[in-house]
Amino acid sequence: MLRPITLFTAAVLFGTAAYAQDTLVDPTRPASATSQGHRAGEVRVEAILDRDGHRVAIVAGEIVRAGDRRTWGQVQEVTATGVRYVVGGKTRFAALEVEKVQVRRAEAPGGAL
C-alpha cells in the first residue's frame, strides 16, 4: 500500500514536470518574437537573414521571400531593415524591431575559413 506522502510526492513531481513542459522557452528565439503588446493581424518581422545578397525574413515564425503570398499579404521585397508587402491593394512596410547585428566569421589559424 502506498503511503500518502508517496502519493503527494508523485503528484508534485508529475505536476511540476507537466508545468515545465508548458513553459519551455526557446533561447534562440528573438526577443521581438513575443506576441505581448501587439495588435492582432499586425505583421511582425522577427529576423532578416542575408546570405550573398539573397534575403529572407522570419515573420510570425515563418520564413518568407520576395514573391511569397501569406494570409497577411504578398511579400514584395525583403530589405535590410524590414519587409515590404501588399495587402488590399496597398503597399505597406513592416520594420525589423531589433537592431541589426553584424556577424563575422572568426578567422581560423593560418588565415583559412
PDB file of N, CA and C in Angstrom:
ATOM      1  N   MET A   1       0.835  -1.182   0.000  1.00  0.00           N
ATOM      2  CA  MET A   1       0.000   0.000   0.000  1.00  0.00           C
ATOM      3  C   MET A   1       0.883   1.251   0.000  1.00  0.00           C
ATOM      4  N   LEU A   2       0.515   2.221  -0.852  1.00  0.00           N
ATOM      5  CA  LEU A   2       1.292   3.448  -0.934  1.00  0.00           C
ATOM      6  C   LEU A   2       0.938   4.379   0.217  1.00  0.00           C
ATOM      7  N   ARG A   3       1.951   4.985   0.741  1.00  0.00           N
ATOM      8  CA  ARG A   3       1.721   5.921   1.834  1.00  0.00           C
ATOM      9  C   ARG A   3       1.300   7.272   1.255  1.00  0.00           C
ATOM     10  N   PRO A   4       0.520   8.042   1.997  1.00  0.00           N
ATOM     11  CA  PRO A   4       0.049   9.349   1.500  1.00  0.00           C
ATOM     12  C   PRO A   4       1.185  10.271   1.071  1.00  0.00           C
ATOM     13  N   ILE A   5       2.316  10.233   1.774  1.00  0.00           N
ATOM     14  CA  ILE A   5       3.436  11.120   1.410  1.00  0.00           C
ATOM     15  C   ILE A   5       4.002  10.731   0.050  1.00  0.00           C
ATOM     16  N   THR A   6       4.004   9.449  -0.278  1.00  0.00           N
ATOM     17  CA  THR A   6       4.497   8.980  -1.566  1.00  0.00           C
ATOM     18  C   THR A   6       3.579   9.471  -2.683  1.00  0.00           C
ATOM     19  N   LEU A   7       2.277   9.369  -2.463  1.00  0.00           N
ATOM     20  CA  LEU A   7       1.327   9.852  -3.463  1.00  0.00           C
ATOM     21  C   LEU A   7       1.460  11.362  -3.664  1.00  0.00           C
ATOM     22  N   PHE A   8       1.633  12.085  -2.570  1.00  0.00           N
ATOM     23  CA  PHE A   8       1.784  13.532  -2.641  1.00  0.00           C
ATOM     24  C   PHE A   8       3.048  13.887  -3.421  1.00  0.00           C
ATOM     25  N   THR A   9       4.157  13.225  -3.117  1.00  0.00           N
ATOM     26  CA  THR A   9       5.421  13.495  -3.800  1.00  0.00           C
ATOM     27  C   THR A   9       5.304  13.204  -5.287  1.00  0.00           C
ATOM     28  N   ALA A  10       4.676  12.096  -5.646  1.00  0.00           N
ATOM     29  CA  ALA A  10       4.497  11.746  -7.055  1.00  0.00           C
ATOM     30  C   ALA A  10       3.643  12.801  -7.765  1.00  0.00           C
ATOM     31  N   ALA A  11       2.590  13.251  -7.099  1.00  0.00           N
ATOM     32  CA  ALA A  11       1.709  14.257  -7.702  1.00  0.00           C
ATOM     33  C   ALA A  11       2.453  15.568  -7.925  1.00  0.00           C
ATOM     34  N   VAL A  12       3.270  15.963  -6.957  1.00  0.00           N
ATOM     35  CA  VAL A  12       4.027  17.207  -7.084  1.00  0.00           C
ATOM     36  C   VAL A  12       5.037  17.094  -8.218  1.00  0.00           C
ATOM     37  N   LEU A  13       5.763  15.989  -8.281  1.00  0.00           N
ATOM     38  CA  LEU A  13       6.763  15.815  -9.332  1.00  0.00           C
ATOM     39  C   LEU A  13       6.111  15.754 -10.711  1.00  0.00           C
ATOM     40  N   PHE A  14       5.026  15.040 -10.850  1.00  0.00           N
ATOM     41  CA  PHE A  14       4.334  14.952 -12.138  1.00  0.00           C
ATOM     42  C   PHE A  14       3.787  16.322 -12.529  1.00  0.00           C
ATOM     43  N   GLY A  15       3.186  17.006 -11.592  1.00  0.00           N
ATOM     44  CA  GLY A  15       2.631  18.335 -11.874  1.00  0.00           C
ATOM     45  C   GLY A  15       3.708  19.321 -12.273  1.00  0.00           C
ATOM     46  N   THR A  16       4.865  19.269 -11.613  1.00  0.00           N
ATOM     47  CA  THR A  16       5.968  20.161 -11.933  1.00  0.00           C
ATOM     48  C   THR A  16       6.502  19.866 -13.320  1.00  0.00           C
ATOM     49  N   ALA A  17       6.642  18.590 -13.661  1.00  0.00           N
ATOM     50  CA  ALA A  17       7.138  18.219 -14.986  1.00  0.00           C
ATOM     51  C   ALA A  17       6.157  18.665 -16.071  1.00  0.00           C
ATOM     52  N   ALA A  18       4.885  18.487 -15.842  1.00  0.00           N
ATOM     53  CA  ALA A  18       3.883  18.898 -16.830  1.00  0.00           C
ATOM     54  C   ALA A  18       3.894  20.410 -16.993  1.00  0.00           C
ATOM     55  N   TYR A  19       4.041  21.133 -15.891  1.00  0.00           N
ATOM     56  CA  TYR A  19       4.084  22.589 -15.956  1.00  0.00           C
ATOM     57  C   TYR A  19       5.335  23.046 -16.711  1.00  0.00           C
ATOM     58  N   ALA A  20       6.460  22.412 -16.437  1.00  0.00           N
ATOM     59  CA  ALA A  20       7.708  22.791 -17.095  1.00  0.00           C
ATOM     60  C   ALA A  20       7.607  22.612 -18.606  1.00  0.00           C
ATOM     61  N   GLN A  21       6.929  21.577 -19.066  1.00  0.00           N
ATOM     62  CA  GLN A  21       6.780  21.370 -20.499  1.00  0.00           C
ATOM     63  C   GLN A  21       5.972  22.491 -21.134  1.00  0.00           C
ATOM     64  N   ASP A  22       5.015  23.029 -20.426  1.00  0.00           N
ATOM     65  CA  ASP A  22       4.174  24.096 -20.969  1.00  0.00           C
ATOM     66  C   ASP A  22       4.886  25.441 -20.997  1.00  0.00           C
ATOM     67  N   THR A  23       5.948  25.600 -20.221  1.00  0.00           N
ATOM     68  CA  THR A  23       6.578  26.909 -20.104  1.00  0.00           C
ATOM     69  C   THR A  23       7.987  26.955 -20.686  1.00  0.00           C
ATOM     70  N   LEU A  24       8.380  25.968 -21.475  1.00  0.00           N
ATOM     71  CA  LEU A  24       9.713  25.999 -22.060  1.00  0.00           C
ATOM     72  C   LEU A  24       9.823  27.160 -23.036  1.00  0.00           C
ATOM     73  N   VAL A  25      10.977  27.796 -23.037  1.00  0.00           N
ATOM     74  CA  VAL A  25      11.216  28.940 -23.898  1.00  0.00           C
ATOM     75  C   VAL A  25      12.414  28.629 -24.780  1.00  0.00           C
ATOM     76  N   ASP A  26      12.298  28.934 -26.059  1.00  0.00           N
ATOM     77  CA  ASP A  26      13.403  28.739 -26.990  1.00  0.00           C
ATOM     78  C   ASP A  26      14.415  29.858 -26.776  1.00  0.00           C
ATOM     79  N   PRO A  27      15.618  29.555 -26.292  1.00  0.00           N
ATOM     80  CA  PRO A  27      16.593  30.616 -26.013  1.00  0.00           C
ATOM     81  C   PRO A  27      17.130  31.282 -27.270  1.00  0.00           C
ATOM     82  N   THR A  28      16.939  30.673 -28.444  1.00  0.00           N
ATOM     83  CA  THR A  28      17.431  31.268 -29.682  1.00  0.00           C
ATOM     84  C   THR A  28      16.388  32.137 -30.380  1.00  0.00           C
ATOM     85  N   ARG A  29      15.166  32.132 -29.867  1.00  0.00           N
ATOM     86  CA  ARG A  29      14.101  32.935 -30.477  1.00  0.00           C
ATOM     87  C   ARG A  29      14.342  34.415 -30.193  1.00  0.00           C
ATOM     88  N   PRO A  30      14.211  35.264 -31.204  1.00  0.00           N
ATOM     89  CA  PRO A  30      14.451  36.696 -30.992  1.00  0.00           C
ATOM     90  C   PRO A  30      13.516  37.271 -29.932  1.00  0.00           C
ATOM     91  N   ALA A  31      14.018  38.240 -29.186  1.00  0.00           N
ATOM     92  CA  ALA A  31      13.208  38.861 -28.140  1.00  0.00           C
ATOM     93  C   ALA A  31      11.970  39.524 -28.714  1.00  0.00           C
ATOM     94  N   SER A  32      12.043  39.951 -29.972  1.00  0.00           N
ATOM     95  CA  SER A  32      10.900  40.618 -30.596  1.00  0.00           C
ATOM     96  C   SER A  32       9.811  39.646 -31.011  1.00  0.00           C
ATOM     97  N   ALA A  33      10.037  38.357 -30.834  1.00  0.00           N
ATOM     98  CA  ALA A  33       9.074  37.358 -31.301  1.00  0.00           C
ATOM     99  C   ALA A  33       7.900  37.156 -30.353  1.00  0.00           C
ATOM    100  N   THR A  34       7.904  37.805 -29.218  1.00  0.00           N
ATOM    101  CA  THR A  34       6.787  37.649 -28.295  1.00  0.00           C
ATOM    102  C   THR A  34       5.568  38.357 -28.841  1.00  0.00           C
ATOM    103  N   SER A  35       4.392  37.852 -28.509  1.00  0.00           N
ATOM    104  CA  SER A  35       3.164  38.440 -29.037  1.00  0.00           C
ATOM    105  C   SER A  35       2.543  39.449 -28.077  1.00  0.00           C
ATOM    106  N   GLN A  36       3.178  39.709 -26.974  1.00  0.00           N
ATOM    107  CA  GLN A  36       2.606  40.620 -25.991  1.00  0.00           C
ATOM    108  C   GLN A  36       2.689  42.054 -26.491  1.00  0.00           C
ATOM    109  N   GLY A  37       1.587  42.794 -26.333  1.00  0.00           N
ATOM    110  CA  GLY A  37       1.592  44.206 -26.662  1.00  0.00           C
ATOM    111  C   GLY A  37       1.428  44.519 -28.132  1.00  0.00           C
ATOM    112  N   HIS A  38       1.051  43.545 -28.949  1.00  0.00           N
ATOM    113  CA  HIS A  38       0.897  43.804 -30.372  1.00  0.00           C
ATOM    114  C   HIS A  38      -0.516  43.468 -30.811  1.00  0.00           C
ATOM    115  N   ARG A  39      -1.001  44.216 -31.779  1.00  0.00           N
ATOM    116  CA  ARG A  39      -2.368  44.033 -32.262  1.00  0.00           C
ATOM    117  C   ARG A  39      -2.480  42.792 -33.135  1.00  0.00           C
ATOM    118  N   ALA A  40      -3.680  42.203 -33.111  1.00  0.00           N
ATOM    119  CA  ALA A  40      -3.959  41.059 -33.973  1.00  0.00           C
ATOM    120  C   ALA A  40      -3.861  41.507 -35.427  1.00  0.00           C
ATOM    121  N   GLY A  41      -3.291  40.681 -36.266  1.00  0.00           N
ATOM    122  CA  GLY A  41      -3.157  40.997 -37.679  1.00  0.00           C
ATOM    123  C   GLY A  41      -1.948  41.848 -38.014  1.00  0.00           C
ATOM    124  N   GLU A  42      -1.214  42.303 -37.018  1.00  0.00           N
ATOM    125  CA  GLU A  42      -0.027  43.108 -37.254  1.00  0.00           C
ATOM    126  C   GLU A  42       1.103  42.225 -37.775  1.00  0.00           C
ATOM    127  N   VAL A  43       1.770  42.655 -38.827  1.00  0.00           N
ATOM    128  CA  VAL A  43       2.885  41.903 -39.386  1.00  0.00           C
ATOM    129  C   VAL A  43       4.127  42.242 -38.573  1.00  0.00           C
ATOM    130  N   ARG A  44       4.714  41.214 -37.982  1.00  0.00           N
ATOM    131  CA  ARG A  44       5.893  41.402 -37.131  1.00  0.00           C
ATOM    132  C   ARG A  44       7.100  40.712 -37.730  1.00  0.00           C
ATOM    133  N   VAL A  45       8.106  41.479 -38.078  1.00  0.00           N
ATOM    134  CA  VAL A  45       9.340  40.928 -38.627  1.00  0.00           C
ATOM    135  C   VAL A  45      10.253  40.580 -37.449  1.00  0.00           C
ATOM    136  N   GLU A  46      10.561  39.292 -37.335  1.00  0.00           N
ATOM    137  CA  GLU A  46      11.353  38.814 -36.209  1.00  0.00           C
ATOM    138  C   GLU A  46      12.847  38.764 -36.515  1.00  0.00           C
ATOM    139  N   ALA A  47      13.189  38.529 -37.781  1.00  0.00           N
ATOM    140  CA  ALA A  47      14.605  38.450 -38.167  1.00  0.00           C
ATOM    141  C   ALA A  47      14.722  38.617 -39.670  1.00  0.00           C
ATOM    142  N   ILE A  48      15.877  39.094 -40.090  1.00  0.00           N
ATOM    143  CA  ILE A  48      16.203  39.177 -41.510  1.00  0.00           C
ATOM    144  C   ILE A  48      17.569  38.533 -41.685  1.00  0.00           C
ATOM    145  N   LEU A  49      17.652  37.636 -42.640  1.00  0.00           N
ATOM    146  CA  LEU A  49      18.902  36.924 -42.896  1.00  0.00           C
ATOM    147  C   LEU A  49      19.352  37.245 -44.313  1.00  0.00           C
ATOM    148  N   ASP A  50      20.638  37.522 -44.470  1.00  0.00           N
ATOM    149  CA  ASP A  50      21.193  37.878 -45.772  1.00  0.00           C
ATOM    150  C   ASP A  50      22.404  36.989 -46.030  1.00  0.00           C
ATOM    151  N   ARG A  51      22.333  36.252 -47.114  1.00  0.00           N
ATOM    152  CA  ARG A  51      23.454  35.384 -47.490  1.00  0.00           C
ATOM    153  C   ARG A  51      23.769  35.660 -48.953  1.00  0.00           C
ATOM    154  N   ASP A  52      24.901  36.277 -49.195  1.00  0.00           N
ATOM    155  CA  ASP A  52      25.336  36.584 -50.563  1.00  0.00           C
ATOM    156  C   ASP A  52      24.288  37.376 -51.339  1.00  0.00           C
ATOM    157  N   GLY A  53      23.647  38.326 -50.680  1.00  0.00           N
ATOM    158  CA  GLY A  53      22.680  39.194 -51.342  1.00  0.00           C
ATOM    159  C   GLY A  53      21.278  38.641 -51.455  1.00  0.00           C
ATOM    160  N   HIS A  54      21.036  37.417 -51.009  1.00  0.00           N
ATOM    161  CA  HIS A  54      19.695  36.825 -51.018  1.00  0.00           C
ATOM    162  C   HIS A  54      19.117  36.952 -49.623  1.00  0.00           C
ATOM    163  N   ARG A  55      18.072  37.756 -49.496  1.00  0.00           N
ATOM    164  CA  ARG A  55      17.488  38.000 -48.174  1.00  0.00           C
ATOM    165  C   ARG A  55      16.219  37.193 -47.981  1.00  0.00           C
ATOM    166  N   VAL A  56      16.046  36.722 -46.754  1.00  0.00           N
ATOM    167  CA  VAL A  56      14.802  36.105 -46.312  1.00  0.00           C
ATOM    168  C   VAL A  56      14.471  36.727 -44.967  1.00  0.00           C
ATOM    169  N   ALA A  57      13.207  36.696 -44.621  1.00  0.00           N
ATOM    170  CA  ALA A  57      12.779  37.242 -43.328  1.00  0.00           C
ATOM    171  C   ALA A  57      11.999  36.177 -42.587  1.00  0.00           C
ATOM    172  N   ILE A  58      11.986  36.300 -41.289  1.00  0.00           N
ATOM    173  CA  ILE A  58      11.132  35.455 -40.460  1.00  0.00           C
ATOM    174  C   ILE A  58      10.022  36.358 -39.948  1.00  0.00           C
ATOM    175  N   VAL A  59       8.800  36.031 -40.372  1.00  0.00           N
ATOM    176  CA  VAL A  59       7.618  36.792 -39.988  1.00  0.00           C
ATOM    177  C   VAL A  59       6.648  35.822 -39.336  1.00  0.00           C
ATOM    178  N   ALA A  60       6.298  36.098 -38.092  1.00  0.00           N
ATOM    179  CA  ALA A  60       5.378  35.234 -37.343  1.00  0.00           C
ATOM    180  C   ALA A  60       5.846  33.784 -37.358  1.00  0.00           C
ATOM    181  N   GLY A  61       7.154  33.578 -37.246  1.00  0.00           N
ATOM    182  CA  GLY A  61       7.707  32.233 -37.174  1.00  0.00           C
ATOM    183  C   GLY A  61       7.866  31.536 -38.513  1.00  0.00           C
ATOM    184  N   GLU A  62       7.541  32.205 -39.622  1.00  0.00           N
ATOM    185  CA  GLU A  62       7.657  31.609 -40.954  1.00  0.00           C
ATOM    186  C   GLU A  62       8.724  32.323 -41.769  1.00  0.00           C
ATOM    187  N   ILE A  63       9.452  31.556 -42.576  1.00  0.00           N
ATOM    188  CA  ILE A  63      10.437  32.139 -43.483  1.00  0.00           C
ATOM    189  C   ILE A  63       9.706  32.631 -44.718  1.00  0.00           C
ATOM    190  N   VAL A  64       9.957  33.898 -45.099  1.00  0.00           N
ATOM    191  CA  VAL A  64       9.329  34.472 -46.291  1.00  0.00           C
ATOM    192  C   VAL A  64      10.393  35.086 -47.185  1.00  0.00           C
ATOM    193  N   ARG A  65      10.109  35.046 -48.499  1.00  0.00           N
ATOM    194  CA  ARG A  65      10.971  35.624 -49.526  1.00  0.00           C
ATOM    195  C   ARG A  65      10.118  36.531 -50.409  1.00  0.00           C
ATOM    196  N   ALA A  66      10.768  37.354 -51.206  1.00  0.00           N
ATOM    197  CA  ALA A  66      10.044  38.198 -52.161  1.00  0.00           C
ATOM    198  C   ALA A  66       9.194  37.309 -53.060  1.00  0.00           C
ATOM    199  N   GLY A  67       7.927  37.692 -53.237  1.00  0.00           N
ATOM    200  CA  GLY A  67       7.008  36.934 -54.071  1.00  0.00           C
ATOM    201  C   GLY A  67       6.106  35.988 -53.296  1.00  0.00           C
ATOM    202  N   ASP A  68       6.454  35.668 -52.068  1.00  0.00           N
ATOM    203  CA  ASP A  68       5.624  34.754 -51.271  1.00  0.00           C
ATOM    204  C   ASP A  68       4.288  35.395 -50.931  1.00  0.00           C
ATOM    205  N   ARG A  69       3.246  34.565 -50.928  1.00  0.00           N
ATOM    206  CA  ARG A  69       1.910  35.012 -50.514  1.00  0.00           C
ATOM    207  C   ARG A  69       1.600  34.394 -49.155  1.00  0.00           C
ATOM    208  N   ARG A  70       1.124  35.218 -48.252  1.00  0.00           N
ATOM    209  CA  ARG A  70       0.714  34.772 -46.927  1.00  0.00           C
ATOM    210  C   ARG A  70      -0.672  35.351 -46.647  1.00  0.00           C
ATOM    211  N   THR A  71      -1.273  34.936 -45.550  1.00  0.00           N
ATOM    212  CA  THR A  71      -2.606  35.444 -45.214  1.00  0.00           C
ATOM    213  C   THR A  71      -2.576  36.949 -44.961  1.00  0.00           C
ATOM    214  N   TRP A  72      -1.461  37.478 -44.533  1.00  0.00           N
ATOM    215  CA  TRP A  72      -1.348  38.901 -44.226  1.00  0.00           C
ATOM    216  C   TRP A  72      -0.955  39.736 -45.436  1.00  0.00           C
ATOM    217  N   GLY A  73      -0.628  39.118 -46.580  1.00  0.00           N
ATOM    218  CA  GLY A  73      -0.296  39.873 -47.785  1.00  0.00           C
ATOM    219  C   GLY A  73       0.723  39.164 -48.648  1.00  0.00           C
ATOM    220  N   GLN A  74       1.133  39.847 -49.737  1.00  0.00           N
ATOM    221  CA  GLN A  74       2.151  39.305 -50.627  1.00  0.00           C
ATOM    222  C   GLN A  74       3.442  40.085 -50.432  1.00  0.00           C
ATOM    223  N   VAL A  75       4.525  39.364 -50.237  1.00  0.00           N
ATOM    224  CA  VAL A  75       5.832  39.972 -49.998  1.00  0.00           C
ATOM    225  C   VAL A  75       6.364  40.528 -51.311  1.00  0.00           C
ATOM    226  N   GLN A  76       6.642  41.825 -51.325  1.00  0.00           N
ATOM    227  CA  GLN A  76       7.247  42.456 -52.499  1.00  0.00           C
ATOM    228  C   GLN A  76       8.758  42.383 -52.418  1.00  0.00           C
ATOM    229  N   GLU A  77       9.282  42.711 -51.210  1.00  0.00           N
ATOM    230  CA  GLU A  77      10.728  42.810 -51.064  1.00  0.00           C
ATOM    231  C   GLU A  77      11.110  42.616 -49.600  1.00  0.00           C
ATOM    232  N   VAL A  78      12.236  41.946 -49.404  1.00  0.00           N
ATOM    233  CA  VAL A  78      12.833  41.860 -48.074  1.00  0.00           C
ATOM    234  C   VAL A  78      14.060  42.757 -48.116  1.00  0.00           C
ATOM    235  N   THR A  79      14.046  43.803 -47.307  1.00  0.00           N
ATOM    236  CA  THR A  79      15.168  44.747 -47.264  1.00  0.00           C
ATOM    237  C   THR A  79      16.015  44.458 -46.027  1.00  0.00           C
ATOM    238  N   ALA A  80      17.067  45.218 -45.862  1.00  0.00           N
ATOM    239  CA  ALA A  80      17.926  45.043 -44.691  1.00  0.00           C
ATOM    240  C   ALA A  80      17.228  45.476 -43.411  1.00  0.00           C
ATOM    241  N   THR A  81      16.158  46.269 -43.534  1.00  0.00           N
ATOM    242  CA  THR A  81      15.500  46.801 -42.343  1.00  0.00           C
ATOM    243  C   THR A  81      14.070  46.326 -42.143  1.00  0.00           C
ATOM    244  N   GLY A  82      13.521  45.558 -43.105  1.00  0.00           N
ATOM    245  CA  GLY A  82      12.149  45.108 -42.940  1.00  0.00           C
ATOM    246  C   GLY A  82      11.595  44.422 -44.170  1.00  0.00           C
ATOM    247  N   VAL A  83      10.277  44.324 -44.219  1.00  0.00           N
ATOM    248  CA  VAL A  83       9.589  43.629 -45.304  1.00  0.00           C
ATOM    249  C   VAL A  83       8.540  44.559 -45.912  1.00  0.00           C
ATOM    250  N   ARG A  84       8.622  44.734 -47.250  1.00  0.00           N
ATOM    251  CA  ARG A  84       7.621  45.500 -47.976  1.00  0.00           C
ATOM    252  C   ARG A  84       6.627  44.492 -48.533  1.00  0.00           C
ATOM    253  N   TYR A  85       5.339  44.733 -48.277  1.00  0.00           N
ATOM    254  CA  TYR A  85       4.316  43.787 -48.712  1.00  0.00           C
ATOM    255  C   TYR A  85       3.062  44.531 -49.159  1.00  0.00           C
ATOM    256  N   VAL A  86       2.198  43.831 -49.901  1.00  0.00           N
ATOM    257  CA  VAL A  86       0.962  44.405 -50.414  1.00  0.00           C
ATOM    258  C   VAL A  86      -0.203  43.671 -49.777  1.00  0.00           C
ATOM    259  N   VAL A  87      -1.152  44.449 -49.243  1.00  0.00           N
ATOM    260  CA  VAL A  87      -2.373  43.882 -48.682  1.00  0.00           C
ATOM    261  C   VAL A  87      -3.524  44.806 -49.055  1.00  0.00           C
ATOM    262  N   GLY A  88      -4.576  44.244 -49.606  1.00  0.00           N
ATOM    263  CA  GLY A  88      -5.739  45.049 -50.003  1.00  0.00           C
ATOM    264  C   GLY A  88      -5.403  46.120 -51.009  1.00  0.00           C
ATOM    265  N   GLY A  89      -4.420  45.864 -51.893  1.00  0.00           N
ATOM    266  CA  GLY A  89      -4.036  46.838 -52.910  1.00  0.00           C
ATOM    267  C   GLY A  89      -3.123  47.944 -52.408  1.00  0.00           C
ATOM    268  N   LYS A  90      -2.778  47.935 -51.133  1.00  0.00           N
ATOM    269  CA  LYS A  90      -1.910  48.974 -50.559  1.00  0.00           C
ATOM    270  C   LYS A  90      -0.558  48.379 -50.183  1.00  0.00           C
ATOM    271  N   THR A  91       0.481  49.138 -50.475  1.00  0.00           N
ATOM    272  CA  THR A  91       1.836  48.720 -50.111  1.00  0.00           C
ATOM    273  C   THR A  91       2.127  49.158 -48.687  1.00  0.00           C
ATOM    274  N   ARG A  92       2.639  48.248 -47.918  1.00  0.00           N
ATOM    275  CA  ARG A  92       2.987  48.531 -46.510  1.00  0.00           C
ATOM    276  C   ARG A  92       4.405  48.074 -46.243  1.00  0.00           C
ATOM    277  N   PHE A  93       4.945  48.563 -45.140  1.00  0.00           N
ATOM    278  CA  PHE A  93       6.296  48.169 -44.740  1.00  0.00           C
ATOM    279  C   PHE A  93       6.295  47.803 -43.262  1.00  0.00           C
ATOM    280  N   ALA A  94       6.786  46.623 -42.955  1.00  0.00           N
ATOM    281  CA  ALA A  94       6.935  46.183 -41.563  1.00  0.00           C
ATOM    282  C   ALA A  94       8.425  46.192 -41.242  1.00  0.00           C
ATOM    283  N   ALA A  95       8.799  47.035 -40.303  1.00  0.00           N
ATOM    284  CA  ALA A  95      10.216  47.182 -39.958  1.00  0.00           C
ATOM    285  C   ALA A  95      10.645  46.147 -38.934  1.00  0.00           C
ATOM    286  N   LEU A  96      11.897  45.736 -39.039  1.00  0.00           N
ATOM    287  CA  LEU A  96      12.511  44.868 -38.044  1.00  0.00           C
ATOM    288  C   LEU A  96      12.656  45.677 -36.767  1.00  0.00           C
ATOM    289  N   GLU A  97      12.187  45.136 -35.660  1.00  0.00           N
ATOM    290  CA  GLU A  97      12.150  45.909 -34.419  1.00  0.00           C
ATOM    291  C   GLU A  97      13.418  45.839 -33.582  1.00  0.00           C
ATOM    292  N   VAL A  98      14.342  44.991 -33.941  1.00  0.00           N
ATOM    293  CA  VAL A  98      15.586  44.890 -33.179  1.00  0.00           C
ATOM    294  C   VAL A  98      16.728  45.449 -34.012  1.00  0.00           C
ATOM    295  N   GLU A  99      17.788  45.831 -33.332  1.00  0.00           N
ATOM    296  CA  GLU A  99      18.932  46.374 -34.042  1.00  0.00           C
ATOM    297  C   GLU A  99      19.607  45.294 -34.871  1.00  0.00           C
ATOM    298  N   LYS A 100      20.135  45.716 -36.004  1.00  0.00           N
ATOM    299  CA  LYS A 100      20.870  44.805 -36.875  1.00  0.00           C
ATOM    300  C   LYS A 100      22.169  44.410 -36.188  1.00  0.00           C
ATOM    301  N   VAL A 101      22.480  43.136 -36.232  1.00  0.00           N
ATOM    302  CA  VAL A 101      23.697  42.634 -35.619  1.00  0.00           C
ATOM    303  C   VAL A 101      24.625  42.148 -36.719  1.00  0.00           C
ATOM    304  N   GLN A 102      25.822  42.673 -36.749  1.00  0.00           N
ATOM    305  CA  GLN A 102      26.803  42.265 -37.744  1.00  0.00           C
ATOM    306  C   GLN A 102      27.475  40.986 -37.254  1.00  0.00           C
ATOM    307  N   VAL A 103      27.408  39.947 -38.069  1.00  0.00           N
ATOM    308  CA  VAL A 103      28.025  38.674 -37.707  1.00  0.00           C
ATOM    309  C   VAL A 103      29.175  38.423 -38.656  1.00  0.00           C
ATOM    310  N   ARG A 104      30.344  38.180 -38.072  1.00  0.00           N
ATOM    311  CA  ARG A 104      31.523  37.897 -38.884  1.00  0.00           C
ATOM    312  C   ARG A 104      32.082  36.547 -38.488  1.00  0.00           C
ATOM    313  N   ARG A 105      32.625  35.865 -39.459  1.00  0.00           N
ATOM    314  CA  ARG A 105      33.289  34.598 -39.174  1.00  0.00           C
ATOM    315  C   ARG A 105      34.654  34.876 -38.575  1.00  0.00           C
ATOM    316  N   ALA A 106      34.999  34.076 -37.567  1.00  0.00           N
ATOM    317  CA  ALA A 106      36.325  34.200 -36.988  1.00  0.00           C
ATOM    318  C   ALA A 106      37.302  33.501 -37.909  1.00  0.00           C
ATOM    319  N   GLU A 107      38.432  34.112 -38.124  1.00  0.00           N
ATOM    320  CA  GLU A 107      39.432  33.511 -38.987  1.00  0.00           C
ATOM    321  C   GLU A 107      40.118  32.374 -38.252  1.00  0.00           C
ATOM    322  N   ALA A 108      40.276  31.263 -38.952  1.00  0.00           N
ATOM    323  CA  ALA A 108      40.991  30.124 -38.393  1.00  0.00           C
ATOM    324  C   ALA A 108      42.487  30.408 -38.436  1.00  0.00           C
ATOM    325  N   PRO A 109      43.262  29.724 -37.610  1.00  0.00           N
ATOM    326  CA  PRO A 109      44.724  29.915 -37.658  1.00  0.00           C
ATOM    327  C   PRO A 109      45.238  29.666 -39.062  1.00  0.00           C
ATOM    328  N   GLY A 110      46.110  30.532 -39.528  1.00  0.00           N
ATOM    329  CA  GLY A 110      46.671  30.385 -40.862  1.00  0.00           C
ATOM    330  C   GLY A 110      45.864  31.104 -41.922  1.00  0.00           C
ATOM    331  N   GLY A 111      44.797  31.810 -41.521  1.00  0.00           N
ATOM    332  CA  GLY A 111      44.013  32.583 -42.469  1.00  0.00           C
ATOM    333  C   GLY A 111      42.927  31.813 -43.194  1.00  0.00           C
ATOM    334  N   ALA A 112      42.790  30.505 -42.938  1.00  0.00           N
ATOM    335  CA  ALA A 112      41.757  29.711 -43.618  1.00  0.00           C
ATOM    336  C   ALA A 112      40.427  29.901 -42.915  1.00  0.00           C
ATOM    337  N   LEU A 113      39.332  29.802 -43.670  1.00  0.00           N
ATOM    338  CA  LEU A 113      37.993  29.904 -43.091  1.00  0.00           C
ATOM    339  C   LEU A 113      37.421  28.558 -42.800  1.00  0.00           C
TER     340      LEU A 113
END
